[in-house]
Amino acid sequence: MKVLVRFLAVLSCIVIFSTHAQARGQAYEETYHIGLAAGNIDGGTDFGGTVEATGFMIAARNKKASLEYVNMSSKDGDILGGGIWEAKLSGFYLALIGQGQPYMKFKVGKLKHEMIQTIGAALPDSETESVTSYGLGFGYKMGSRAMIEFDITTLDQDMTLFTLTVLF
């Protein structure tokens, strides 16, 4: 249910963004994309090791910038010293996109991540945090709408997300 609410909120922002640009008479090409994302979360010193993560991205783009919503969840990973952990991520980013083929991308935004850890038979312990997040990546356009992107994004001081996204 939360994912559906987030999806509808992002869709509303994209419609408002588009309507505002058209009302002001701006003449730039704007496209909308939805994509599937897969990657790894490096647990850093807090959790150790990496876990696989999957999710989606919704983007409203023009030639130089992009407004993006990202939502990802991980599989369970092992904690050094015993136990398991998993992560749930969602965030909004503003990305600056370079020209050319392939293109470079720099993004900054607000990310909410929930880290869930279970040690032994204890009940899961959950911690939710909102942080300023940034990332760097590159992409390749594969036709008029499709593109593939690779991003490296910070989640907090010592956790990193490596993502491959296919957008349509």
N, C-alpha and C. Protein backbone atom coordinates (compact mmCIF):
# COMPACT_ATOMS: atom_id res chain seq x y z
N MET A 1 0.82 -1.19 0.00
CA MET A 1 0.00 0.00 0.00
C MET A 1 0.87 1.27 0.00
N LYS A 2 1.95 1.26 0.80
CA LYS A 2 2.83 2.42 0.86
C LYS A 2 3.47 2.68 -0.51
N VAL A 3 3.84 1.61 -1.21
CA VAL A 3 4.46 1.77 -2.53
C VAL A 3 3.46 2.40 -3.49
N LEU A 4 2.20 2.01 -3.43
CA LEU A 4 1.17 2.58 -4.30
C LEU A 4 0.99 4.07 -4.00
N VAL A 5 0.96 4.44 -2.73
CA VAL A 5 0.82 5.85 -2.34
C VAL A 5 2.02 6.65 -2.86
N ARG A 6 3.23 6.11 -2.70
CA ARG A 6 4.43 6.80 -3.18
C ARG A 6 4.39 6.95 -4.70
N PHE A 7 3.97 5.89 -5.39
CA PHE A 7 3.88 5.92 -6.84
C PHE A 7 2.91 7.02 -7.29
N LEU A 8 1.74 7.11 -6.65
CA LEU A 8 0.76 8.13 -7.01
C LEU A 8 1.26 9.53 -6.68
N ALA A 9 2.00 9.69 -5.59
CA ALA A 9 2.58 10.99 -5.25
C ALA A 9 3.59 11.43 -6.31
N VAL A 10 4.43 10.51 -6.75
CA VAL A 10 5.42 10.83 -7.77
C VAL A 10 4.72 11.18 -9.08
N LEU A 11 3.74 10.41 -9.45
CA LEU A 11 3.00 10.67 -10.67
C LEU A 11 2.35 12.05 -10.63
N SER A 12 1.80 12.44 -9.48
CA SER A 12 1.21 13.76 -9.32
C SER A 12 2.25 14.86 -9.49
N CYS A 13 3.45 14.67 -8.91
CA CYS A 13 4.53 15.66 -9.06
C CYS A 13 4.93 15.81 -10.52
N ILE A 14 4.99 14.72 -11.25
CA ILE A 14 5.37 14.77 -12.66
C ILE A 14 4.31 15.52 -13.46
N VAL A 15 3.05 15.28 -13.19
CA VAL A 15 1.98 15.97 -13.90
C VAL A 15 2.02 17.47 -13.60
N ILE A 16 2.22 17.82 -12.33
CA ILE A 16 2.32 19.24 -11.96
C ILE A 16 3.53 19.88 -12.62
N PHE A 17 4.67 19.20 -12.60
CA PHE A 17 5.90 19.70 -13.23
C PHE A 17 5.66 19.95 -14.72
N SER A 18 5.00 19.04 -15.38
CA SER A 18 4.74 19.15 -16.81
C SER A 18 3.76 20.28 -17.09
N THR A 19 2.68 20.37 -16.34
CA THR A 19 1.67 21.41 -16.54
C THR A 19 2.27 22.79 -16.32
N HIS A 20 3.10 22.93 -15.30
CA HIS A 20 3.73 24.22 -15.00
C HIS A 20 4.65 24.64 -16.15
N ALA A 21 5.43 23.73 -16.67
CA ALA A 21 6.34 24.05 -17.77
C ALA A 21 5.56 24.45 -19.03
N GLN A 22 4.48 23.74 -19.32
CA GLN A 22 3.69 24.06 -20.50
C GLN A 22 2.97 25.39 -20.34
N ALA A 23 2.49 25.70 -19.13
CA ALA A 23 1.79 26.95 -18.87
C ALA A 23 2.71 28.14 -19.04
N ARG A 24 3.99 27.99 -18.73
CA ARG A 24 4.95 29.08 -18.87
C ARG A 24 5.47 29.18 -20.31
N GLY A 25 5.05 28.28 -21.17
CA GLY A 25 5.43 28.35 -22.57
C GLY A 25 6.87 27.95 -22.84
N GLN A 26 7.46 27.16 -21.98
CA GLN A 26 8.84 26.75 -22.19
C GLN A 26 8.91 25.77 -23.35
N ALA A 27 9.89 25.96 -24.19
CA ALA A 27 10.00 25.14 -25.40
C ALA A 27 11.16 24.18 -25.28
N TYR A 28 11.08 23.23 -24.41
CA TYR A 28 12.10 22.20 -24.37
C TYR A 28 11.42 20.85 -24.37
N GLU A 29 12.13 19.89 -24.87
CA GLU A 29 11.59 18.54 -24.97
C GLU A 29 11.59 17.91 -23.58
N GLU A 30 10.44 17.39 -23.20
CA GLU A 30 10.30 16.77 -21.90
C GLU A 30 9.80 15.35 -22.10
N THR A 31 10.42 14.40 -21.43
CA THR A 31 10.00 13.01 -21.57
C THR A 31 9.81 12.40 -20.19
N TYR A 32 9.02 11.37 -20.13
CA TYR A 32 8.74 10.66 -18.88
C TYR A 32 9.17 9.21 -19.06
N HIS A 33 9.78 8.67 -18.02
CA HIS A 33 10.31 7.32 -18.11
C HIS A 33 9.98 6.55 -16.83
N ILE A 34 9.83 5.26 -17.00
CA ILE A 34 9.75 4.35 -15.85
C ILE A 34 10.78 3.26 -16.12
N GLY A 35 11.43 2.82 -15.07
CA GLY A 35 12.49 1.84 -15.27
C GLY A 35 12.60 0.83 -14.15
N LEU A 36 13.25 -0.26 -14.47
CA LEU A 36 13.54 -1.30 -13.50
C LEU A 36 14.99 -1.19 -13.09
N ALA A 37 15.24 -1.31 -11.78
CA ALA A 37 16.59 -1.15 -11.25
C ALA A 37 17.01 -2.39 -10.49
N ALA A 38 18.28 -2.73 -10.59
CA ALA A 38 18.87 -3.84 -9.84
C ALA A 38 20.29 -3.44 -9.46
N GLY A 39 20.73 -3.92 -8.32
CA GLY A 39 22.09 -3.59 -7.91
C GLY A 39 22.47 -4.21 -6.59
N ASN A 40 23.50 -3.61 -5.98
CA ASN A 40 24.02 -4.08 -4.69
C ASN A 40 24.12 -2.93 -3.72
N ILE A 41 23.85 -3.21 -2.46
CA ILE A 41 24.07 -2.25 -1.39
C ILE A 41 25.28 -2.73 -0.60
N ASP A 42 26.29 -1.88 -0.52
CA ASP A 42 27.47 -2.17 0.29
C ASP A 42 27.15 -1.75 1.71
N GLY A 43 27.14 -2.70 2.64
CA GLY A 43 26.75 -2.46 4.02
C GLY A 43 27.74 -1.68 4.85
N GLY A 44 28.92 -1.41 4.33
CA GLY A 44 29.90 -0.63 5.07
C GLY A 44 30.34 -1.32 6.35
N THR A 45 30.79 -0.52 7.31
CA THR A 45 31.29 -1.08 8.56
C THR A 45 30.16 -1.48 9.51
N ASP A 46 28.95 -0.90 9.32
CA ASP A 46 27.84 -1.24 10.20
C ASP A 46 27.36 -2.67 10.02
N PHE A 47 27.28 -3.12 8.77
CA PHE A 47 26.71 -4.43 8.51
C PHE A 47 27.69 -5.39 7.85
N GLY A 48 28.63 -4.89 7.09
CA GLY A 48 29.59 -5.74 6.40
C GLY A 48 28.95 -6.45 5.22
N GLY A 49 29.69 -6.64 4.19
CA GLY A 49 29.21 -7.37 3.02
C GLY A 49 28.23 -6.56 2.19
N THR A 50 27.73 -7.20 1.14
CA THR A 50 26.77 -6.57 0.25
C THR A 50 25.51 -7.41 0.14
N VAL A 51 24.41 -6.75 -0.24
CA VAL A 51 23.15 -7.46 -0.50
C VAL A 51 22.62 -7.01 -1.84
N GLU A 52 21.88 -7.90 -2.49
CA GLU A 52 21.25 -7.57 -3.76
C GLU A 52 20.00 -6.74 -3.50
N ALA A 53 19.73 -5.77 -4.38
CA ALA A 53 18.55 -4.93 -4.25
C ALA A 53 17.86 -4.78 -5.61
N THR A 54 16.54 -4.70 -5.59
CA THR A 54 15.77 -4.48 -6.81
C THR A 54 14.72 -3.41 -6.55
N GLY A 55 14.24 -2.78 -7.62
CA GLY A 55 13.22 -1.76 -7.46
C GLY A 55 12.88 -1.10 -8.77
N PHE A 56 12.40 0.16 -8.67
CA PHE A 56 12.01 0.89 -9.86
C PHE A 56 12.38 2.35 -9.73
N MET A 57 12.36 3.05 -10.89
CA MET A 57 12.60 4.48 -10.93
C MET A 57 11.60 5.11 -11.87
N ILE A 58 11.09 6.29 -11.50
CA ILE A 58 10.23 7.09 -12.35
C ILE A 58 10.94 8.41 -12.56
N ALA A 59 10.99 8.90 -13.81
CA ALA A 59 11.74 10.13 -14.09
C ALA A 59 10.99 11.03 -15.06
N ALA A 60 11.08 12.34 -14.81
CA ALA A 60 10.63 13.37 -15.74
C ALA A 60 11.89 14.10 -16.18
N ARG A 61 12.17 14.13 -17.49
CA ARG A 61 13.44 14.66 -17.98
C ARG A 61 13.26 15.70 -19.06
N ASN A 62 14.21 16.61 -19.09
CA ASN A 62 14.40 17.43 -20.28
C ASN A 62 15.84 17.17 -20.72
N LYS A 63 16.40 18.00 -21.57
CA LYS A 63 17.73 17.70 -22.11
C LYS A 63 18.86 17.85 -21.10
N LYS A 64 18.64 18.63 -20.03
CA LYS A 64 19.73 18.91 -19.09
C LYS A 64 19.50 18.42 -17.67
N ALA A 65 18.26 18.10 -17.31
CA ALA A 65 17.96 17.75 -15.92
C ALA A 65 16.88 16.68 -15.84
N SER A 66 16.77 16.10 -14.67
CA SER A 66 15.79 15.04 -14.45
C SER A 66 15.30 15.11 -13.00
N LEU A 67 14.00 14.94 -12.82
CA LEU A 67 13.42 14.77 -11.49
C LEU A 67 13.12 13.28 -11.36
N GLU A 68 13.72 12.63 -10.36
CA GLU A 68 13.63 11.17 -10.25
C GLU A 68 13.11 10.72 -8.90
N TYR A 69 12.32 9.65 -8.93
CA TYR A 69 11.89 8.96 -7.72
C TYR A 69 12.43 7.54 -7.81
N VAL A 70 13.10 7.10 -6.75
CA VAL A 70 13.70 5.76 -6.71
C VAL A 70 13.12 5.00 -5.52
N ASN A 71 12.77 3.73 -5.72
CA ASN A 71 12.27 2.87 -4.64
C ASN A 71 12.91 1.50 -4.80
N MET A 72 13.64 1.04 -3.77
CA MET A 72 14.33 -0.24 -3.84
C MET A 72 14.23 -0.99 -2.52
N SER A 73 14.29 -2.31 -2.60
CA SER A 73 14.32 -3.19 -1.43
C SER A 73 15.41 -4.23 -1.64
N SER A 74 16.03 -4.66 -0.54
CA SER A 74 17.11 -5.64 -0.66
C SER A 74 16.66 -7.00 -0.17
N LYS A 75 17.46 -7.98 -0.53
CA LYS A 75 17.34 -9.32 0.06
C LYS A 75 18.04 -9.29 1.41
N ASP A 76 17.92 -10.37 2.17
CA ASP A 76 18.62 -10.47 3.45
C ASP A 76 20.11 -10.65 3.24
N GLY A 77 20.90 -9.99 4.06
CA GLY A 77 22.35 -10.14 4.04
C GLY A 77 22.86 -10.53 5.40
N ASP A 78 24.02 -11.12 5.46
CA ASP A 78 24.61 -11.54 6.73
C ASP A 78 25.36 -10.39 7.40
N ILE A 79 25.16 -10.26 8.72
CA ILE A 79 25.89 -9.28 9.52
C ILE A 79 27.17 -9.95 10.00
N LEU A 80 28.29 -9.23 9.92
CA LEU A 80 29.53 -9.77 10.48
C LEU A 80 29.33 -10.05 11.95
N GLY A 81 29.66 -11.23 12.41
CA GLY A 81 29.47 -11.59 13.80
C GLY A 81 28.13 -12.24 14.09
N GLY A 82 27.29 -12.44 13.08
CA GLY A 82 26.02 -13.13 13.26
C GLY A 82 24.82 -12.22 13.07
N GLY A 83 23.77 -12.79 12.50
CA GLY A 83 22.54 -12.04 12.26
C GLY A 83 22.34 -11.74 10.79
N ILE A 84 21.18 -11.15 10.48
CA ILE A 84 20.86 -10.77 9.10
C ILE A 84 20.39 -9.32 9.06
N TRP A 85 20.50 -8.69 7.89
CA TRP A 85 20.01 -7.33 7.70
C TRP A 85 19.40 -7.18 6.32
N GLU A 86 18.52 -6.21 6.18
CA GLU A 86 17.93 -5.86 4.90
C GLU A 86 17.67 -4.36 4.88
N ALA A 87 17.44 -3.80 3.68
CA ALA A 87 17.23 -2.36 3.54
C ALA A 87 16.04 -2.09 2.62
N LYS A 88 15.33 -1.00 2.93
CA LYS A 88 14.27 -0.48 2.08
C LYS A 88 14.57 0.99 1.85
N LEU A 89 14.60 1.41 0.58
CA LEU A 89 15.02 2.76 0.22
C LEU A 89 13.96 3.44 -0.64
N SER A 90 13.76 4.74 -0.42
CA SER A 90 12.94 5.54 -1.32
C SER A 90 13.44 6.97 -1.26
N GLY A 91 13.48 7.64 -2.41
CA GLY A 91 13.97 9.01 -2.41
C GLY A 91 13.69 9.75 -3.69
N PHE A 92 13.73 11.09 -3.58
CA PHE A 92 13.59 11.99 -4.72
C PHE A 92 14.94 12.61 -5.02
N TYR A 93 15.28 12.71 -6.29
CA TYR A 93 16.56 13.28 -6.71
C TYR A 93 16.35 14.29 -7.83
N LEU A 94 17.21 15.30 -7.84
CA LEU A 94 17.35 16.18 -8.98
C LEU A 94 18.68 15.83 -9.62
N ALA A 95 18.65 15.47 -10.89
CA ALA A 95 19.86 15.04 -11.58
C ALA A 95 20.20 16.01 -12.70
N LEU A 96 21.48 16.34 -12.81
CA LEU A 96 21.99 17.11 -13.93
C LEU A 96 22.58 16.12 -14.93
N ILE A 97 22.17 16.25 -16.18
CA ILE A 97 22.53 15.27 -17.19
C ILE A 97 23.41 15.92 -18.25
N GLY A 98 24.54 15.31 -18.53
CA GLY A 98 25.44 15.81 -19.56
C GLY A 98 24.95 15.49 -20.95
N GLN A 99 25.53 16.16 -21.90
CA GLN A 99 25.19 15.94 -23.30
C GLN A 99 26.13 14.88 -23.88
N GLY A 100 25.75 14.28 -24.96
CA GLY A 100 26.61 13.33 -25.64
C GLY A 100 26.18 11.90 -25.42
N GLN A 101 26.98 11.03 -25.97
CA GLN A 101 26.69 9.59 -25.91
C GLN A 101 27.98 8.85 -25.65
N PRO A 102 28.23 8.21 -24.56
CA PRO A 102 27.37 8.14 -23.38
C PRO A 102 27.35 9.47 -22.63
N TYR A 103 26.40 9.62 -21.73
CA TYR A 103 26.27 10.86 -20.98
C TYR A 103 26.61 10.62 -19.51
N MET A 104 27.07 11.69 -18.86
CA MET A 104 27.35 11.64 -17.42
C MET A 104 26.15 12.19 -16.67
N LYS A 105 26.05 11.82 -15.39
CA LYS A 105 24.91 12.24 -14.58
C LYS A 105 25.37 12.48 -13.15
N PHE A 106 24.94 13.59 -12.55
CA PHE A 106 25.19 13.86 -11.13
C PHE A 106 23.84 14.12 -10.50
N LYS A 107 23.57 13.48 -9.36
CA LYS A 107 22.27 13.67 -8.72
C LYS A 107 22.44 13.95 -7.23
N VAL A 108 21.50 14.71 -6.70
CA VAL A 108 21.45 15.00 -5.27
C VAL A 108 19.97 15.00 -4.87
N GLY A 109 19.70 14.50 -3.66
CA GLY A 109 18.30 14.43 -3.24
C GLY A 109 18.16 14.00 -1.80
N LYS A 110 16.93 13.72 -1.45
CA LYS A 110 16.59 13.29 -0.09
C LYS A 110 16.18 11.82 -0.15
N LEU A 111 16.83 11.02 0.66
CA LEU A 111 16.61 9.57 0.67
C LEU A 111 16.15 9.14 2.05
N LYS A 112 15.13 8.31 2.09
CA LYS A 112 14.69 7.69 3.34
C LYS A 112 15.07 6.22 3.26
N HIS A 113 15.84 5.75 4.24
CA HIS A 113 16.16 4.33 4.22
C HIS A 113 15.82 3.71 5.57
N GLU A 114 15.30 2.50 5.47
CA GLU A 114 14.97 1.72 6.66
C GLU A 114 15.89 0.51 6.69
N MET A 115 16.64 0.39 7.77
CA MET A 115 17.55 -0.74 7.94
C MET A 115 16.93 -1.66 8.99
N ILE A 116 16.78 -2.92 8.64
CA ILE A 116 16.18 -3.90 9.53
C ILE A 116 17.23 -4.97 9.82
N GLN A 117 17.48 -5.20 11.11
CA GLN A 117 18.46 -6.23 11.47
C GLN A 117 17.87 -7.18 12.50
N THR A 118 18.23 -8.45 12.37
CA THR A 118 17.77 -9.48 13.29
C THR A 118 19.00 -10.26 13.74
N ILE A 119 19.19 -10.33 15.05
CA ILE A 119 20.31 -11.09 15.61
C ILE A 119 19.75 -12.21 16.46
N GLY A 120 20.09 -13.44 16.07
CA GLY A 120 19.61 -14.61 16.80
C GLY A 120 18.10 -14.73 16.70
N ALA A 121 17.46 -15.11 17.83
CA ALA A 121 16.02 -15.32 17.86
C ALA A 121 15.27 -14.05 18.26
N ALA A 122 15.97 -12.94 18.41
CA ALA A 122 15.35 -11.68 18.83
C ALA A 122 14.42 -11.14 17.74
N LEU A 123 13.50 -10.30 18.14
CA LEU A 123 12.62 -9.65 17.18
C LEU A 123 13.45 -8.68 16.32
N PRO A 124 13.05 -8.47 15.07
CA PRO A 124 13.80 -7.56 14.21
C PRO A 124 13.86 -6.14 14.79
N ASP A 125 15.01 -5.50 14.65
CA ASP A 125 15.21 -4.12 15.09
C ASP A 125 15.27 -3.25 13.84
N SER A 126 14.42 -2.22 13.79
CA SER A 126 14.32 -1.39 12.60
C SER A 126 14.72 0.05 12.92
N GLU A 127 15.46 0.65 12.00
CA GLU A 127 15.88 2.05 12.14
C GLU A 127 15.62 2.77 10.82
N THR A 128 14.83 3.85 10.88
CA THR A 128 14.53 4.63 9.69
C THR A 128 15.21 5.99 9.80
N GLU A 129 15.81 6.42 8.68
CA GLU A 129 16.56 7.67 8.68
C GLU A 129 16.39 8.36 7.33
N SER A 130 16.25 9.69 7.36
CA SER A 130 16.23 10.48 6.13
C SER A 130 17.54 11.22 6.02
N VAL A 131 18.19 11.10 4.88
CA VAL A 131 19.52 11.70 4.69
C VAL A 131 19.58 12.40 3.33
N THR A 132 20.50 13.35 3.23
CA THR A 132 20.83 13.92 1.93
C THR A 132 21.74 12.93 1.23
N SER A 133 21.40 12.60 0.02
CA SER A 133 22.11 11.58 -0.72
C SER A 133 22.56 12.16 -2.05
N TYR A 134 23.68 11.68 -2.56
CA TYR A 134 24.17 12.14 -3.85
C TYR A 134 24.77 10.97 -4.60
N GLY A 135 24.85 11.14 -5.91
CA GLY A 135 25.38 10.05 -6.71
C GLY A 135 25.97 10.55 -8.01
N LEU A 136 26.71 9.67 -8.64
CA LEU A 136 27.36 9.95 -9.90
C LEU A 136 27.17 8.73 -10.79
N GLY A 137 26.94 8.96 -12.06
CA GLY A 137 26.74 7.82 -12.95
C GLY A 137 26.92 8.20 -14.40
N PHE A 138 26.64 7.24 -15.25
CA PHE A 138 26.66 7.48 -16.68
C PHE A 138 25.56 6.64 -17.31
N GLY A 139 25.15 7.06 -18.50
CA GLY A 139 24.08 6.36 -19.18
C GLY A 139 24.31 6.32 -20.67
N TYR A 140 23.49 5.52 -21.33
CA TYR A 140 23.59 5.36 -22.77
C TYR A 140 22.17 5.29 -23.33
N LYS A 141 21.85 6.16 -24.28
CA LYS A 141 20.53 6.15 -24.92
C LYS A 141 20.50 5.06 -25.98
N MET A 142 19.45 4.26 -25.95
CA MET A 142 19.30 3.15 -26.90
C MET A 142 18.05 3.37 -27.75
N GLY A 143 18.05 4.43 -28.52
CA GLY A 143 16.89 4.75 -29.33
C GLY A 143 16.23 6.02 -28.82
N SER A 144 14.97 6.24 -29.23
CA SER A 144 14.31 7.49 -28.90
C SER A 144 13.88 7.58 -27.44
N ARG A 145 13.54 6.47 -26.79
CA ARG A 145 13.08 6.52 -25.40
C ARG A 145 13.90 5.66 -24.44
N ALA A 146 14.37 4.55 -24.87
CA ALA A 146 15.04 3.62 -23.97
C ALA A 146 16.45 4.08 -23.64
N MET A 147 16.86 3.84 -22.40
CA MET A 147 18.22 4.14 -21.99
C MET A 147 18.61 3.21 -20.85
N ILE A 148 19.90 3.06 -20.66
CA ILE A 148 20.43 2.26 -19.58
C ILE A 148 21.40 3.14 -18.80
N GLU A 149 21.33 3.06 -17.45
CA GLU A 149 22.17 3.91 -16.60
C GLU A 149 22.82 3.08 -15.51
N PHE A 150 24.04 3.48 -15.14
CA PHE A 150 24.74 2.91 -13.99
C PHE A 150 25.04 4.06 -13.03
N ASP A 151 24.62 3.91 -11.77
CA ASP A 151 24.81 4.95 -10.75
C ASP A 151 25.52 4.38 -9.53
N ILE A 152 26.32 5.22 -8.90
CA ILE A 152 26.88 4.95 -7.58
C ILE A 152 26.32 6.04 -6.68
N THR A 153 25.57 5.65 -5.62
CA THR A 153 24.85 6.60 -4.77
C THR A 153 25.19 6.35 -3.31
N THR A 154 25.43 7.44 -2.57
CA THR A 154 25.65 7.31 -1.13
C THR A 154 24.32 7.12 -0.42
N LEU A 155 24.31 6.24 0.59
CA LEU A 155 23.11 6.06 1.40
C LEU A 155 23.27 6.71 2.76
N ASP A 156 24.44 6.64 3.31
CA ASP A 156 24.83 7.40 4.49
C ASP A 156 26.35 7.43 4.53
N GLN A 157 26.95 7.68 5.67
CA GLN A 157 28.40 7.89 5.73
C GLN A 157 29.22 6.75 5.13
N ASP A 158 28.82 5.51 5.37
CA ASP A 158 29.65 4.41 4.88
C ASP A 158 28.88 3.33 4.13
N MET A 159 27.67 3.66 3.65
CA MET A 159 26.90 2.71 2.85
C MET A 159 26.72 3.27 1.44
N THR A 160 26.85 2.39 0.45
CA THR A 160 26.79 2.81 -0.94
C THR A 160 25.88 1.88 -1.73
N LEU A 161 25.14 2.47 -2.68
CA LEU A 161 24.26 1.70 -3.56
C LEU A 161 24.83 1.75 -4.98
N PHE A 162 25.02 0.59 -5.58
CA PHE A 162 25.46 0.46 -6.97
C PHE A 162 24.26 -0.04 -7.76
N THR A 163 23.81 0.73 -8.77
CA THR A 163 22.55 0.43 -9.46
C THR A 163 22.71 0.43 -10.97
N LEU A 164 22.10 -0.54 -11.61
CA LEU A 164 21.94 -0.58 -13.07
C LEU A 164 20.44 -0.46 -13.33
N THR A 165 20.04 0.56 -14.10
CA THR A 165 18.63 0.83 -14.35
C THR A 165 18.38 0.85 -15.86
N VAL A 166 17.30 0.19 -16.27
CA VAL A 166 16.86 0.23 -17.66
C VAL A 166 15.56 1.03 -17.67
N LEU A 167 15.58 2.16 -18.42
CA LEU A 167 14.43 3.07 -18.48
C LEU A 167 13.75 2.99 -19.84
N PHE A 168 12.43 3.11 -19.83
CA PHE A 168 11.63 3.10 -21.06
C PHE A 168 10.76 4.34 -21.10
